[in-house]
Amino acid sequence: MRFGLFIPQGWRQDLTGIEARDHWGVMNGLAQHADQGDVWESVWVYDHFHSVPEPNGQAVHEAWSLINAFAATTSRVRLGQMCTCMAYRNPAYLAKVAATADVISGGRVEMGIGAGWYEHEWRAYGYGFPSAGERIAMLDEGVQIFKQLWTNGVATLDGRHYQVSGAQLAPLPLQVDGPPLWIAGGGERKTLRIAAEHAQYTNFDGTPEVFAHKSQVLRGHCDAIGRDFGEITRSANFNVVIGETQADVDDRIAWVEEHYALTVPERAPGVAEDFRKGPLVGTPEQVVDALTHLQGLGMTYAITYFADAAYDRASIELFESQVVPALR
């Protein structure tokens, strides 16, 4: 199994209490940690502008700025976004941004892309909020533009949502045909069809029952277009709460509630309960068992999030020492 690590960037209240001048040091320090050794294949950030579980003005650092910064300060680990919202940037421009990051990083960019969902920030930033069908259609057209630019260095598309005419891209990304595409989302009729057509990776719900079902839907789309289902690596994102004992796990859940109570007190109990219900909550043995079961369902790339990463690396280090070796 392969592993990625989310870097706290504020979106999930995960830089609360840390001075803005110190944010980069915290984020880059974790990226540097992941860059050492061979435990983590990748580091990840979210593409959002407003915090969750509600937009309360907490710090949220911009995804592609971070990708380019990490490209310059790391040397091995791969760099992804889970996931870039297609409509937040013109796709030809975004293809250029990703290509530049790929060059800076020496060919280490992963292109996570999706249709977007966070209505509040869409409207606040002046993007409106098209229907789900429209957003997915924008995703489809944008991916076509990516592939033309990254493969040929030029793109032309007269689409319903995007029009480019001889858009040029130079230099090309260092990776042949561009950064690998991660199509994120589990929409069964359209998103997974787009994934079957274009993705090297998918990313959808990691709950075992849901993961198994979405996998079968993806297989059906692959069969329909004649693509080998096995070509697509299936991944999922996980909140990890890990402790040597159940008491340690309970203490970490309590910390999550106390931490969120600093900024969103009404939402803190619900957030803590959501963490508690996650698949990767427990002792190292329990987390290994959960991942082993998911691996049997075809989930071979786990992208992990540790709520306390900016404040205490103990959970990350426990995962590194007792979980990763068991899955390698």
Protein backbone atom coordinates (compact mmCIF):
# COMPACT_ATOMS: atom_id res chain seq x y z
CA MET A 1 0.00 0.00 0.00
CA ARG A 2 1.10 3.56 -0.74
CA PHE A 3 0.63 6.50 1.61
CA GLY A 4 0.13 10.23 1.29
CA LEU A 5 0.07 12.85 4.05
CA PHE A 6 -2.13 15.95 4.19
CA ILE A 7 -0.24 19.06 5.28
CA PRO A 8 -2.29 21.34 7.58
CA GLN A 9 -3.04 24.59 5.76
CA GLY A 10 -5.81 25.99 7.96
CA TRP A 11 -8.84 24.79 6.01
CA ARG A 12 -9.89 22.37 8.75
CA GLN A 13 -9.08 24.69 11.67
CA ASP A 14 -5.70 23.00 11.77
CA LEU A 15 -3.49 26.08 12.21
CA THR A 16 -5.65 27.65 14.93
CA GLY A 17 -3.61 29.43 17.57
CA ILE A 18 -0.44 29.55 15.47
CA GLU A 19 0.71 33.01 14.40
CA ALA A 20 0.48 33.65 10.66
CA ARG A 21 4.20 34.39 10.51
CA ASP A 22 4.82 30.85 11.73
CA HIS A 23 2.42 29.03 9.39
CA TRP A 24 4.93 28.43 6.62
CA GLY A 25 7.49 27.04 9.03
CA VAL A 26 4.95 24.56 10.38
CA MET A 27 3.71 23.50 6.96
CA ASN A 28 7.16 23.26 5.41
CA GLY A 29 8.49 21.43 8.45
CA LEU A 30 5.91 18.69 7.97
CA ALA A 31 6.60 18.55 4.24
CA GLN A 32 10.32 18.21 5.01
CA HIS A 33 9.52 15.43 7.48
CA ALA A 34 7.54 13.55 4.82
CA ASP A 35 10.32 14.10 2.29
CA GLN A 36 12.76 12.13 4.42
CA GLY A 37 12.96 8.36 4.15
CA ASP A 38 10.45 6.40 2.11
CA VAL A 39 7.33 6.19 4.31
CA TRP A 40 5.33 8.87 2.52
CA GLU A 41 5.01 8.80 -1.25
CA SER A 42 3.21 12.14 -1.40
CA VAL A 43 2.05 15.23 0.46
CA TRP A 44 -1.31 16.86 -0.16
CA VAL A 45 -3.22 20.09 0.35
CA TYR A 46 -6.86 21.03 -0.13
CA ASP A 47 -8.05 23.53 -2.75
CA HIS A 48 -10.34 25.75 -0.70
CA PHE A 49 -10.63 29.41 0.23
CA HIS A 50 -13.00 29.33 3.23
CA SER A 51 -12.64 27.15 6.31
CA VAL A 52 -14.83 24.25 7.41
CA PRO A 53 -17.04 23.14 9.09
CA GLU A 54 -18.13 26.74 8.59
CA PRO A 55 -16.52 29.83 7.01
CA ASN A 56 -15.36 31.60 10.16
CA GLY A 57 -12.40 33.63 8.93
CA GLN A 58 -9.67 31.24 10.02
CA ALA A 59 -6.52 31.06 7.93
CA VAL A 60 -6.71 29.05 4.69
CA HIS A 61 -3.61 29.01 2.51
CA GLU A 62 -3.98 28.75 -1.27
CA ALA A 63 -3.28 25.30 -2.69
CA TRP A 64 -1.17 25.94 -5.78
CA SER A 65 0.99 28.53 -4.02
CA LEU A 66 1.82 25.81 -1.51
CA ILE A 67 2.46 23.23 -4.25
CA ASN A 68 5.03 25.50 -5.87
CA ALA A 69 6.62 26.30 -2.53
CA PHE A 70 6.90 22.62 -1.61
CA ALA A 71 8.27 21.95 -5.10
CA ALA A 72 11.22 24.17 -4.22
CA THR A 73 11.80 22.94 -0.66
CA THR A 74 11.46 19.16 -1.08
CA SER A 75 13.33 16.77 -3.33
CA ARG A 76 11.62 13.36 -3.29
CA VAL A 77 8.02 13.39 -2.13
CA ARG A 78 5.28 13.85 -4.72
CA LEU A 79 2.95 16.87 -4.52
CA GLY A 80 -0.83 16.73 -4.83
CA GLN A 81 -4.05 18.64 -4.22
CA MET A 82 -7.20 16.83 -3.10
CA CYS A 83 -8.59 18.23 -5.07
CA THR A 84 -8.32 21.26 -7.31
CA CYS A 85 -11.70 22.69 -8.24
CA MET A 86 -11.83 22.99 -12.02
CA ALA A 87 -13.97 26.13 -12.07
CA TYR A 88 -11.81 28.17 -9.71
CA ARG A 89 -9.23 28.77 -12.46
CA ASN A 90 -9.45 28.77 -16.23
CA PRO A 91 -8.27 25.27 -17.23
CA ALA A 92 -5.71 26.48 -19.76
CA TYR A 93 -4.22 28.73 -17.09
CA LEU A 94 -4.36 25.90 -14.56
CA ALA A 95 -2.56 23.57 -16.98
CA LYS A 96 0.18 26.22 -17.17
CA VAL A 97 0.39 26.53 -13.37
CA ALA A 98 0.67 22.74 -13.00
CA ALA A 99 3.31 22.52 -15.74
CA THR A 100 5.44 25.16 -14.05
CA ALA A 101 5.14 23.34 -10.72
CA ASP A 102 6.14 20.11 -12.44
CA VAL A 103 9.28 21.75 -13.80
CA ILE A 104 10.18 23.33 -10.44
CA SER A 105 9.69 20.01 -8.65
CA GLY A 106 11.60 17.92 -11.14
CA GLY A 107 8.46 16.09 -12.29
CA ARG A 108 6.70 15.37 -8.97
CA VAL A 109 3.24 16.93 -9.37
CA GLU A 110 0.04 14.91 -9.03
CA MET A 111 -3.03 16.61 -10.54
CA GLY A 112 -6.04 16.12 -8.29
CA ILE A 113 -9.11 17.58 -9.98
CA GLY A 114 -12.82 17.66 -9.26
CA ALA A 115 -16.06 19.50 -9.92
CA GLY A 116 -16.18 21.38 -6.60
CA TRP A 117 -18.91 21.54 -3.96
CA TYR A 118 -18.40 24.28 -1.35
CA GLU A 119 -21.22 26.64 -2.31
CA HIS A 120 -20.36 29.38 0.18
CA GLU A 121 -16.89 29.99 -1.21
CA TRP A 122 -18.09 29.66 -4.82
CA ARG A 123 -20.57 32.48 -4.33
CA ALA A 124 -18.30 34.55 -2.11
CA TYR A 125 -15.56 34.55 -4.74
CA GLY A 126 -17.98 35.44 -7.54
CA TYR A 127 -18.15 32.10 -9.34
CA GLY A 128 -21.89 31.66 -8.88
CA PHE A 129 -22.87 28.09 -8.15
CA PRO A 130 -23.85 26.11 -11.26
CA SER A 131 -25.82 22.89 -10.97
CA ALA A 132 -23.96 19.67 -10.28
CA GLY A 133 -24.40 18.64 -13.91
CA GLU A 134 -22.89 21.91 -15.13
CA ARG A 135 -19.95 21.65 -12.75
CA ILE A 136 -19.23 18.10 -13.90
CA ALA A 137 -19.46 19.19 -17.55
CA MET A 138 -16.89 21.90 -16.77
CA LEU A 139 -14.66 19.22 -15.24
CA ASP A 140 -14.93 17.11 -18.40
CA GLU A 141 -14.06 19.98 -20.75
CA GLY A 142 -11.23 21.18 -18.55
CA VAL A 143 -9.60 17.77 -18.44
CA GLN A 144 -9.69 17.65 -22.25
CA ILE A 145 -7.84 20.97 -22.33
CA PHE A 146 -5.25 19.70 -19.85
CA LYS A 147 -4.52 16.64 -21.92
CA GLN A 148 -4.14 18.58 -25.16
CA LEU A 149 -1.80 21.14 -23.64
CA TRP A 150 0.33 18.68 -21.68
CA THR A 151 0.68 16.29 -24.62
CA ASN A 152 0.90 18.60 -27.61
CA GLY A 153 1.74 22.01 -26.14
CA VAL A 154 -1.33 23.51 -27.80
CA ALA A 155 -5.08 23.23 -27.23
CA THR A 156 -8.23 24.16 -29.09
CA LEU A 157 -11.70 23.45 -27.73
CA ASP A 158 -15.01 25.08 -28.53
CA GLY A 159 -16.89 23.80 -25.52
CA ARG A 160 -20.06 24.86 -23.84
CA HIS A 161 -18.17 26.16 -20.81
CA TYR A 162 -14.60 26.70 -22.02
CA GLN A 163 -13.27 27.95 -25.31
CA VAL A 164 -9.59 27.99 -26.17
CA SER A 165 -8.16 28.60 -29.62
CA GLY A 166 -4.55 27.66 -30.15
CA ALA A 167 -3.62 28.08 -26.49
CA GLN A 168 0.10 27.37 -26.16
CA LEU A 169 2.01 25.73 -23.34
CA ALA A 170 5.79 25.79 -23.13
CA PRO A 171 7.67 24.26 -21.57
CA LEU A 172 5.74 21.05 -21.33
CA PRO A 173 5.59 19.32 -17.93
CA LEU A 174 8.59 17.11 -17.26
CA GLN A 175 6.30 14.10 -16.86
CA VAL A 176 5.39 12.68 -20.24
CA ASP A 177 1.79 13.66 -21.09
CA GLY A 178 1.65 15.71 -17.91
CA PRO A 179 1.03 15.10 -14.20
CA PRO A 180 -1.05 12.00 -13.40
CA LEU A 181 -4.75 12.82 -13.21
CA TRP A 182 -6.64 12.05 -10.01
CA ILE A 183 -10.36 12.40 -10.65
CA ALA A 184 -11.93 12.93 -7.24
CA GLY A 185 -15.56 12.25 -6.42
CA GLY A 186 -17.98 9.37 -6.48
CA GLY A 187 -20.79 10.57 -8.73
CA GLU A 188 -21.84 7.37 -10.42
CA ARG A 189 -23.30 8.54 -13.72
CA LYS A 190 -20.81 11.24 -14.70
CA THR A 191 -17.80 11.69 -12.40
CA LEU A 192 -16.83 8.03 -12.43
CA ARG A 193 -17.41 7.92 -16.19
CA ILE A 194 -14.96 10.82 -16.61
CA ALA A 195 -12.55 8.94 -14.35
CA ALA A 196 -12.86 5.81 -16.48
CA GLU A 197 -11.98 7.87 -19.56
CA HIS A 198 -9.15 10.01 -18.23
CA ALA A 199 -7.88 9.14 -14.73
CA GLN A 200 -4.76 7.35 -13.62
CA TYR A 201 -6.13 7.55 -10.07
CA THR A 202 -9.55 7.88 -8.46
CA ASN A 203 -10.39 9.14 -4.99
CA PHE A 204 -13.73 8.43 -3.38
CA ASP A 205 -15.31 7.42 -0.06
CA GLY A 206 -13.12 5.05 1.96
CA THR A 207 -15.93 3.47 3.97
CA PRO A 208 -15.58 -0.21 3.00
CA GLU A 209 -19.15 -0.76 1.78
CA VAL A 210 -19.23 2.47 -0.21
CA PHE A 211 -15.74 1.95 -1.59
CA ALA A 212 -16.67 -1.51 -2.86
CA HIS A 213 -19.82 -0.21 -4.51
CA LYS A 214 -18.13 2.76 -6.20
CA SER A 215 -15.41 0.43 -7.43
CA GLN A 216 -17.96 -1.74 -9.19
CA VAL A 217 -19.55 1.31 -10.78
CA LEU A 218 -16.13 2.44 -12.02
CA ARG A 219 -15.50 -1.05 -13.38
CA GLY A 220 -18.76 -0.87 -15.30
CA HIS A 221 -17.76 2.42 -16.93
CA CYS A 222 -14.36 0.98 -17.83
CA ASP A 223 -15.99 -2.07 -19.39
CA ALA A 224 -18.35 0.15 -21.37
CA ILE A 225 -15.51 2.09 -23.01
CA GLY A 226 -13.07 -0.81 -23.29
CA ARG A 227 -10.56 0.39 -20.72
CA ASP A 228 -8.66 -1.96 -18.43
CA PHE A 229 -10.09 -1.36 -14.94
CA GLY A 230 -6.77 -2.43 -13.45
CA GLU A 231 -5.02 0.58 -14.98
CA ILE A 232 -6.69 2.90 -12.47
CA THR A 233 -5.31 3.13 -8.93
CA ARG A 234 -8.13 3.59 -6.41
CA SER A 235 -7.41 5.79 -3.41
CA ALA A 236 -9.33 7.23 -0.47
CA ASN A 237 -8.82 9.94 2.15
CA PHE A 238 -8.86 9.11 5.85
CA ASN A 239 -8.94 10.96 9.14
CA VAL A 240 -6.49 9.02 11.28
CA VAL A 241 -6.92 8.91 15.05
CA ILE A 242 -4.40 6.50 16.48
CA GLY A 243 -3.12 5.68 19.96
CA GLU A 244 -1.21 2.92 21.69
CA THR A 245 -4.34 2.11 23.75
CA GLN A 246 -8.05 2.81 23.52
CA ALA A 247 -7.60 5.37 26.30
CA ASP A 248 -5.04 7.17 24.12
CA VAL A 249 -7.49 7.13 21.21
CA ASP A 250 -10.22 8.58 23.42
CA ASP A 251 -7.85 11.30 24.58
CA ARG A 252 -7.11 12.27 20.99
CA ILE A 253 -10.81 12.43 20.13
CA ALA A 254 -11.29 14.64 23.20
CA TRP A 255 -8.47 16.86 21.94
CA VAL A 256 -10.22 17.21 18.56
CA GLU A 257 -13.40 18.40 20.30
CA GLU A 258 -11.50 20.81 22.53
CA HIS A 259 -9.54 22.16 19.58
CA TYR A 260 -12.60 22.81 17.43
CA ALA A 261 -14.37 24.38 20.41
CA LEU A 262 -11.82 27.22 20.20
CA THR A 263 -13.30 28.44 16.90
CA VAL A 264 -16.58 26.62 16.19
CA PRO A 265 -17.92 25.61 19.62
CA GLU A 266 -21.39 24.65 18.41
CA ARG A 267 -19.94 22.29 15.80
CA ALA A 268 -17.16 20.78 17.92
CA PRO A 269 -19.09 17.77 19.33
CA GLY A 270 -20.30 16.77 15.86
CA VAL A 271 -16.83 17.09 14.36
CA ALA A 272 -15.38 14.90 17.12
CA GLU A 273 -18.08 12.30 16.56
CA ASP A 274 -17.36 12.28 12.82
CA PHE A 275 -13.71 11.62 13.58
CA ARG A 276 -14.63 8.81 15.97
CA LYS A 277 -16.70 7.04 13.27
CA GLY A 278 -13.89 6.97 10.71
CA PRO A 279 -12.43 3.71 9.42
CA LEU A 280 -8.89 4.49 10.64
CA VAL A 281 -9.59 5.09 14.33
CA GLY A 282 -8.01 2.89 16.98
CA THR A 283 -4.81 1.24 18.06
CA PRO A 284 -2.12 0.45 15.48
CA GLU A 285 -3.38 -3.13 15.25
CA GLN A 286 -6.95 -1.95 14.58
CA VAL A 287 -5.81 0.55 11.95
CA VAL A 288 -3.72 -2.13 10.23
CA ASP A 289 -6.72 -4.47 10.20
CA ALA A 290 -8.94 -1.77 8.68
CA LEU A 291 -6.41 -0.95 5.97
CA THR A 292 -5.82 -4.62 5.21
CA HIS A 293 -9.55 -5.07 4.68
CA LEU A 294 -9.68 -2.03 2.40
CA GLN A 295 -6.66 -3.27 0.49
CA GLY A 296 -8.56 -6.46 -0.17
CA LEU A 297 -11.29 -4.32 -1.75
CA GLY A 298 -8.75 -2.66 -4.06
CA MET A 299 -7.88 0.48 -2.10
CA THR A 300 -4.11 0.65 -2.55
CA TYR A 301 -3.34 4.33 -1.86
CA ALA A 302 -4.34 5.91 1.47
CA ILE A 303 -4.20 9.70 1.81
CA THR A 304 -4.06 10.38 5.55
CA TYR A 305 -5.07 13.40 7.61
CA PHE A 306 -3.96 13.95 11.22
CA ALA A 307 -5.91 16.74 12.92
CA ASP A 308 -3.11 17.46 15.38
CA ALA A 309 -0.23 17.44 12.86
CA ALA A 310 0.64 21.12 13.31
CA TYR A 311 0.90 20.76 17.08
CA ASP A 312 2.16 17.25 17.81
CA ARG A 313 3.73 14.67 15.49
CA ALA A 314 3.25 11.76 17.88
CA SER A 315 0.28 10.36 15.94
CA ILE A 316 2.13 10.61 12.65
CA GLU A 317 5.20 8.93 14.12
CA LEU A 318 3.12 6.10 15.62
CA PHE A 319 1.49 5.53 12.24
CA GLU A 320 4.89 5.56 10.54
CA SER A 321 6.45 3.08 12.94
CA GLN A 322 3.63 0.61 13.53
CA VAL A 323 1.15 0.85 10.66
CA VAL A 324 3.09 1.53 7.46
CA PRO A 325 5.57 -1.38 7.89
CA ALA A 326 2.68 -3.82 8.29
CA LEU A 327 1.19 -2.77 4.95
CA ARG A 328 4.41 -2.67 2.97
